[in-house]
C-alpha atoms as a PDB file:
ATOM      1  CA  MET A   1     -11.798 -11.106 -16.164  1.00  0.00           C
ATOM      2  CA  VAL A   2     -13.020  -9.427 -13.072  1.00  0.00           C
ATOM      3  CA  SER A   3     -16.444  -7.810 -13.115  1.00  0.00           C
ATOM      4  CA  ALA A   4     -16.893  -4.119 -13.604  1.00  0.00           C
ATOM      5  CA  ARG A   5     -17.561  -3.922  -9.829  1.00  0.00           C
ATOM      6  CA  PRO A   6     -14.617  -5.752  -8.389  1.00  0.00           C
ATOM      7  CA  ARG A   7     -14.582  -6.977  -4.740  1.00  0.00           C
ATOM      8  CA  VAL A   8     -11.774  -5.377  -2.813  1.00  0.00           C
ATOM      9  CA  GLY A   9     -10.752  -6.168   0.697  1.00  0.00           C
ATOM     10  CA  VAL A  10      -9.019  -3.433   2.918  1.00  0.00           C
ATOM     11  CA  LEU A  11      -7.023  -4.931   5.796  1.00  0.00           C
ATOM     12  CA  ALA A  12      -8.931  -3.644   8.711  1.00  0.00           C
ATOM     13  CA  LEU A  13      -6.951  -4.804  11.781  1.00  0.00           C
ATOM     14  CA  GLN A  14      -5.423  -1.344  12.519  1.00  0.00           C
ATOM     15  CA  GLY A  15      -4.897   2.023  10.748  1.00  0.00           C
ATOM     16  CA  ASP A  16      -6.918   4.222   8.383  1.00  0.00           C
ATOM     17  CA  PHE A  17      -8.797   1.501   6.648  1.00  0.00           C
ATOM     18  CA  ARG A  18     -12.114   3.515   6.692  1.00  0.00           C
ATOM     19  CA  GLU A  19     -10.589   6.206   4.406  1.00  0.00           C
ATOM     20  CA  HIS A  20      -9.628   3.551   1.864  1.00  0.00           C
ATOM     21  CA  ILE A  21     -13.025   1.882   1.997  1.00  0.00           C
ATOM     22  CA  ALA A  22     -14.633   5.303   1.315  1.00  0.00           C
ATOM     23  CA  SER A  23     -12.251   6.100  -1.549  1.00  0.00           C
ATOM     24  CA  LEU A  24     -12.678   2.727  -3.256  1.00  0.00           C
ATOM     25  CA  THR A  25     -16.443   2.762  -2.753  1.00  0.00           C
ATOM     26  CA  GLU A  26     -16.552   6.149  -4.459  1.00  0.00           C
ATOM     27  CA  LEU A  27     -14.817   4.611  -7.419  1.00  0.00           C
ATOM     28  CA  GLY A  28     -17.377   1.951  -7.755  1.00  0.00           C
ATOM     29  CA  ALA A  29     -15.783  -1.034  -6.140  1.00  0.00           C
ATOM     30  CA  GLU A  30     -17.498  -3.416  -3.772  1.00  0.00           C
ATOM     31  CA  VAL A  31     -15.397  -3.062  -0.622  1.00  0.00           C
ATOM     32  CA  ALA A  32     -15.186  -5.047   2.515  1.00  0.00           C
ATOM     33  CA  PRO A  33     -13.032  -4.907   5.590  1.00  0.00           C
ATOM     34  CA  LEU A  34     -10.587  -7.922   5.655  1.00  0.00           C
ATOM     35  CA  ARG A  35      -9.988  -9.465   9.088  1.00  0.00           C
ATOM     36  CA  ARG A  36      -9.898 -13.218   8.524  1.00  0.00           C
ATOM     37  CA  ALA A  37      -7.941 -15.545   6.291  1.00  0.00           C
ATOM     38  CA  GLU A  38     -11.097 -17.225   4.902  1.00  0.00           C
ATOM     39  CA  GLU A  39     -12.201 -13.772   3.533  1.00  0.00           C
ATOM     40  CA  ILE A  40      -9.204 -13.597   1.090  1.00  0.00           C
ATOM     41  CA  ALA A  41     -10.464 -16.156  -1.424  1.00  0.00           C
ATOM     42  CA  ALA A  42     -13.476 -14.009  -2.355  1.00  0.00           C
ATOM     43  CA  LEU A  43     -11.382 -10.954  -3.154  1.00  0.00           C
ATOM     44  CA  ASP A  44     -10.241  -9.587  -6.449  1.00  0.00           C
ATOM     45  CA  GLY A  45      -7.712  -7.195  -4.826  1.00  0.00           C
ATOM     46  CA  VAL A  46      -6.563  -6.067  -1.416  1.00  0.00           C
ATOM     47  CA  VAL A  47      -5.416  -2.689  -0.057  1.00  0.00           C
ATOM     48  CA  ILE A  48      -3.230  -2.362   3.158  1.00  0.00           C
ATOM     49  CA  PRO A  49      -3.695   1.001   4.869  1.00  0.00           C
ATOM     50  CA  GLY A  50      -1.437   3.320   6.834  1.00  0.00           C
ATOM     51  CA  GLY A  51      -1.156   2.845  10.497  1.00  0.00           C
ATOM     52  CA  GLU A  52       1.516   1.389  12.747  1.00  0.00           C
ATOM     53  CA  SER A  53       3.373  -1.321  10.693  1.00  0.00           C
ATOM     54  CA  SER A  54       4.682  -3.232  13.783  1.00  0.00           C
ATOM     55  CA  VAL A  55       1.209  -3.520  15.261  1.00  0.00           C
ATOM     56  CA  MET A  56      -0.303  -4.408  11.895  1.00  0.00           C
ATOM     57  CA  ASP A  57       2.338  -7.106  11.504  1.00  0.00           C
ATOM     58  CA  LYS A  58       1.644  -8.531  14.960  1.00  0.00           C
ATOM     59  CA  LEU A  59      -2.164  -8.461  14.502  1.00  0.00           C
ATOM     60  CA  SER A  60      -1.951  -9.981  11.020  1.00  0.00           C
ATOM     61  CA  ARG A  61       0.079 -12.909  12.310  1.00  0.00           C
ATOM     62  CA  THR A  62      -2.052 -13.314  15.477  1.00  0.00           C
ATOM     63  CA  PHE A  63      -5.231 -13.506  13.377  1.00  0.00           C
ATOM     64  CA  GLY A  64      -3.607 -15.870  10.817  1.00  0.00           C
ATOM     65  CA  VAL A  65      -4.025 -13.421   7.893  1.00  0.00           C
ATOM     66  CA  ALA A  66      -0.356 -12.680   7.018  1.00  0.00           C
ATOM     67  CA  GLU A  67       0.681 -15.941   5.495  1.00  0.00           C
ATOM     68  CA  PRO A  68      -2.370 -16.645   3.274  1.00  0.00           C
ATOM     69  CA  LEU A  69      -2.418 -12.970   2.243  1.00  0.00           C
ATOM     70  CA  SER A  70       1.228 -13.138   1.234  1.00  0.00           C
ATOM     71  CA  ALA A  71       0.587 -16.270  -0.778  1.00  0.00           C
ATOM     72  CA  ALA A  72      -2.444 -14.777  -2.527  1.00  0.00           C
ATOM     73  CA  ILE A  73      -0.484 -11.673  -3.559  1.00  0.00           C
ATOM     74  CA  ARG A  74       2.403 -13.941  -4.759  1.00  0.00           C
ATOM     75  CA  ASP A  75      -0.191 -15.761  -6.844  1.00  0.00           C
ATOM     76  CA  GLY A  76      -1.240 -12.571  -8.503  1.00  0.00           C
ATOM     77  CA  LEU A  77      -3.864 -10.908  -6.149  1.00  0.00           C
ATOM     78  CA  PRO A  78      -3.400  -7.170  -6.898  1.00  0.00           C
ATOM     79  CA  ALA A  79      -2.360  -5.248  -3.812  1.00  0.00           C
ATOM     80  CA  TYR A  80      -1.888  -1.578  -2.917  1.00  0.00           C
ATOM     81  CA  GLY A  81      -0.180  -0.439   0.235  1.00  0.00           C
ATOM     82  CA  THR A  82       0.051   3.156   1.694  1.00  0.00           C
ATOM     83  CA  CYS A  83       2.662   4.202   4.316  1.00  0.00           C
ATOM     84  CA  ALA A  84       2.555   1.242   6.834  1.00  0.00           C
ATOM     85  CA  GLY A  85       1.196  -0.780   4.007  1.00  0.00           C
ATOM     86  CA  MET A  86       4.203  -0.090   1.894  1.00  0.00           C
ATOM     87  CA  ILE A  87       6.305  -1.488   4.782  1.00  0.00           C
ATOM     88  CA  MET A  88       4.026  -4.544   5.111  1.00  0.00           C
ATOM     89  CA  LEU A  89       4.395  -5.304   1.445  1.00  0.00           C
ATOM     90  CA  SER A  90       8.134  -4.792   1.267  1.00  0.00           C
ATOM     91  CA  SER A  91      10.723  -7.559   1.460  1.00  0.00           C
ATOM     92  CA  ARG A  92      13.039  -5.770   3.775  1.00  0.00           C
ATOM     93  CA  ILE A  93      12.770  -3.143   6.580  1.00  0.00           C
ATOM     94  CA  ALA A  94      15.470  -0.669   7.712  1.00  0.00           C
ATOM     95  CA  ALA A  95      15.013   0.445  11.403  1.00  0.00           C
ATOM     96  CA  GLY A  96      12.264  -2.068  12.009  1.00  0.00           C
ATOM     97  CA  ILE A  97      11.468  -3.164  15.539  1.00  0.00           C
ATOM     98  CA  PRO A  98      13.078  -6.361  16.694  1.00  0.00           C
ATOM     99  CA  GLY A  99      11.123  -9.393  15.288  1.00  0.00           C
ATOM    100  CA  GLN A 100       9.092  -7.218  12.821  1.00  0.00           C
ATOM    101  CA  GLN A 101       8.087  -9.216   9.735  1.00  0.00           C
ATOM    102  CA  THR A 102       6.488  -8.344   6.343  1.00  0.00           C
ATOM    103  CA  LEU A 103       4.483 -10.045   3.628  1.00  0.00           C
ATOM    104  CA  ASP A 104       7.684  -9.983   1.463  1.00  0.00           C
ATOM    105  CA  VAL A 105       5.948  -9.518  -1.878  1.00  0.00           C
ATOM    106  CA  LEU A 106       7.732  -6.283  -3.046  1.00  0.00           C
ATOM    107  CA  ASP A 107      11.447  -6.230  -3.867  1.00  0.00           C
ATOM    108  CA  THR A 108      12.265  -3.122  -1.791  1.00  0.00           C
ATOM    109  CA  THR A 109      14.041  -2.102   1.328  1.00  0.00           C
ATOM    110  CA  VAL A 110      12.035   0.527   3.101  1.00  0.00           C
ATOM    111  CA  ARG A 111      13.060   2.682   6.165  1.00  0.00           C
ATOM    112  CA  ARG A 112      10.472   3.208   8.777  1.00  0.00           C
ATOM    113  CA  ASN A 113       9.691   6.767  10.005  1.00  0.00           C
ATOM    114  CA  ALA A 114      12.290   8.045   7.425  1.00  0.00           C
ATOM    115  CA  PHE A 115      11.269  11.713   7.914  1.00  0.00           C
ATOM    116  CA  GLY A 116      10.912  11.692  11.599  1.00  0.00           C
ATOM    117  CA  SER A 117       8.032  11.900  14.099  1.00  0.00           C
ATOM    118  CA  GLN A 118       4.418  12.921  13.696  1.00  0.00           C
ATOM    119  CA  ASN A 119       5.490  16.457  14.110  1.00  0.00           C
ATOM    120  CA  ASP A 120       7.603  16.204  11.016  1.00  0.00           C
ATOM    121  CA  SER A 121       4.623  15.338   8.799  1.00  0.00           C
ATOM    122  CA  PHE A 122       4.402  17.335   5.570  1.00  0.00           C
ATOM    123  CA  GLU A 123       2.690  17.780   2.239  1.00  0.00           C
ATOM    124  CA  THR A 124       4.098  18.313  -1.157  1.00  0.00           C
ATOM    125  CA  ASP A 125       3.316  17.983  -4.940  1.00  0.00           C
ATOM    126  CA  ILE A 126       5.201  15.303  -6.730  1.00  0.00           C
ATOM    127  CA  PRO A 127       5.402  14.937 -10.531  1.00  0.00           C
ATOM    128  CA  MET A 128       4.292  11.374 -11.492  1.00  0.00           C
ATOM    129  CA  PRO A 129       4.002  11.083 -15.259  1.00  0.00           C
ATOM    130  CA  ALA A 130       2.740   7.504 -15.026  1.00  0.00           C
ATOM    131  CA  LEU A 131      -0.389   8.845 -13.246  1.00  0.00           C
ATOM    132  CA  GLY A 132      -0.925  11.868 -15.494  1.00  0.00           C
ATOM    133  CA  GLU A 133       0.156  15.441 -16.267  1.00  0.00           C
ATOM    134  CA  ALA A 134      -0.875  16.964 -12.925  1.00  0.00           C
ATOM    135  CA  PRO A 135       1.499  16.404 -10.024  1.00  0.00           C
ATOM    136  CA  VAL A 136       0.223  14.216  -7.137  1.00  0.00           C
ATOM    137  CA  HIS A 137      -0.477  16.001  -3.835  1.00  0.00           C
ATOM    138  CA  ALA A 138       1.203  13.774  -1.288  1.00  0.00           C
ATOM    139  CA  VAL A 139       0.549  13.808   2.482  1.00  0.00           C
ATOM    140  CA  PHE A 140       3.405  12.272   4.439  1.00  0.00           C
ATOM    141  CA  ILE A 141       2.617  11.095   8.036  1.00  0.00           C
ATOM    142  CA  ARG A 142       5.509   9.326   9.865  1.00  0.00           C
ATOM    143  CA  ALA A 143       6.235   7.998   6.417  1.00  0.00           C
ATOM    144  CA  PRO A 144       8.699   5.384   5.101  1.00  0.00           C
ATOM    145  CA  VAL A 145      10.950   5.821   2.140  1.00  0.00           C
ATOM    146  CA  VAL A 146      12.325   3.182  -0.384  1.00  0.00           C
ATOM    147  CA  GLU A 147      16.056   2.964   0.159  1.00  0.00           C
ATOM    148  CA  GLU A 148      16.674   0.204  -2.340  1.00  0.00           C
ATOM    149  CA  HIS A 149      14.699  -1.697  -4.919  1.00  0.00           C
ATOM    150  CA  GLY A 150      15.191  -4.560  -7.308  1.00  0.00           C
ATOM    151  CA  ASP A 151      15.351  -4.200 -11.098  1.00  0.00           C
ATOM    152  CA  GLY A 152      11.791  -5.337 -11.518  1.00  0.00           C
ATOM    153  CA  VAL A 153      10.439  -2.425  -9.475  1.00  0.00           C
ATOM    154  CA  GLU A 154       9.166   0.646 -11.362  1.00  0.00           C
ATOM    155  CA  VAL A 155       9.583   3.988  -9.641  1.00  0.00           C
ATOM    156  CA  LEU A 156       6.317   5.945  -9.932  1.00  0.00           C
ATOM    157  CA  GLY A 157       7.399   8.868  -7.834  1.00  0.00           C
ATOM    158  CA  ALA A 158      10.316  10.454  -5.994  1.00  0.00           C
ATOM    159  CA  LEU A 159      10.941  13.641  -3.999  1.00  0.00           C
ATOM    160  CA  SER A 160      13.036  16.421  -5.423  1.00  0.00           C
ATOM    161  CA  ASP A 161      16.134  15.015  -3.601  1.00  0.00           C
ATOM    162  CA  GLY A 162      15.590  11.661  -5.355  1.00  0.00           C
ATOM    163  CA  GLN A 163      14.085   9.726  -2.381  1.00  0.00           C
ATOM    164  CA  VAL A 164      11.700   7.093  -3.814  1.00  0.00           C
ATOM    165  CA  VAL A 165       8.201   7.321  -2.390  1.00  0.00           C
ATOM    166  CA  ALA A 166       5.993   5.357  -4.875  1.00  0.00           C
ATOM    167  CA  VAL A 167       6.690   2.170  -6.744  1.00  0.00           C
ATOM    168  CA  GLN A 168       5.075  -0.729  -8.556  1.00  0.00           C
ATOM    169  CA  GLN A 169       6.222  -4.236  -9.166  1.00  0.00           C
ATOM    170  CA  GLY A 170       3.792  -6.297 -11.274  1.00  0.00           C
ATOM    171  CA  ASN A 171       0.538  -6.670  -9.314  1.00  0.00           C
ATOM    172  CA  VAL A 172       1.885  -4.652  -6.245  1.00  0.00           C
ATOM    173  CA  ILE A 173       1.590  -0.862  -5.932  1.00  0.00           C
ATOM    174  CA  ALA A 174       2.926   1.034  -2.914  1.00  0.00           C
ATOM    175  CA  SER A 175       3.175   4.668  -1.765  1.00  0.00           C
ATOM    176  CA  ALA A 176       4.878   6.114   1.297  1.00  0.00           C
ATOM    177  CA  PHE A 177       2.086   8.814   1.533  1.00  0.00           C
ATOM    178  CA  HIS A 178      -1.618   8.855   1.918  1.00  0.00           C
ATOM    179  CA  PRO A 179      -3.666   9.589  -1.276  1.00  0.00           C
ATOM    180  CA  GLU A 180      -6.847   8.680   0.683  1.00  0.00           C
ATOM    181  CA  VAL A 181      -6.215  11.535   3.012  1.00  0.00           C
ATOM    182  CA  ALA A 182      -5.479  14.114   0.248  1.00  0.00           C
ATOM    183  CA  GLY A 183      -8.579  13.293  -1.889  1.00  0.00           C
ATOM    184  CA  GLU A 184      -6.134  12.055  -4.548  1.00  0.00           C
ATOM    185  CA  ASP A 185      -7.736   9.106  -6.312  1.00  0.00           C
ATOM    186  CA  ARG A 186      -5.316   8.219  -9.097  1.00  0.00           C
ATOM    187  CA  PHE A 187      -3.512   5.595  -7.123  1.00  0.00           C
ATOM    188  CA  HIS A 188      -6.802   3.866  -6.306  1.00  0.00           C
ATOM    189  CA  ARG A 189      -7.809   4.134  -9.911  1.00  0.00           C
ATOM    190  CA  ARG A 190      -4.515   2.509 -11.025  1.00  0.00           C
ATOM    191  CA  PHE A 191      -4.934  -0.185  -8.527  1.00  0.00           C
ATOM    192  CA  LEU A 192      -8.579  -0.917  -9.664  1.00  0.00           C
ATOM    193  CA  ASP A 193      -7.331  -1.027 -13.342  1.00  0.00           C
ATOM    194  CA  LEU A 194      -4.963  -3.745 -12.169  1.00  0.00           C
ATOM    195  CA  VAL A 195      -7.754  -5.581 -10.435  1.00  0.00           C
ATOM    196  CA  ARG A 196     -10.001  -5.448 -13.495  1.00  0.00           C
ATOM    197  CA  SER A 197      -7.324  -6.701 -15.771  1.00  0.00           C
ATOM    198  CA  ALA A 198      -6.018  -9.439 -13.482  1.00  0.00           C
END
């Protein structure tokens, strides 16, 4: 069992990793930025933040983090990805840039920038019974959407039109939106519960 104060790495090559570090620290985790492959072995869980998925992909491969991180998650390391992090975790990308790769640990097809540009960002409340009675306030910024998912993927949340925006498959959780921006901590709590029971 993981200690009451789990050690979580937040991939810190690009994107809003500082907000995740703050959210997880507030919830009692020991949090460290993750930038090198050798840091993975000391972690009890990993968070992949929002940002630019194609840049994050290139940097993670340039710094040699992508392959060992994918292997660790496949071996059971709990992972949570938001926005670009959801794209990084997914097995397949629709509308990716040429050559863009993923960690391929979540049986989903996600579409990049599904809702349009930065100007098309929006906020909404989404019922998510798995996370509690109150709806989740979700902030979407150039967000992806899950177009297809395998049978082993649990849908945690969808928009009123049925578009899937939050999922879990075993040790992997992903949301198309940014709980860390909205002050919504239930996804981070769910992730830390996974980490502690891993």
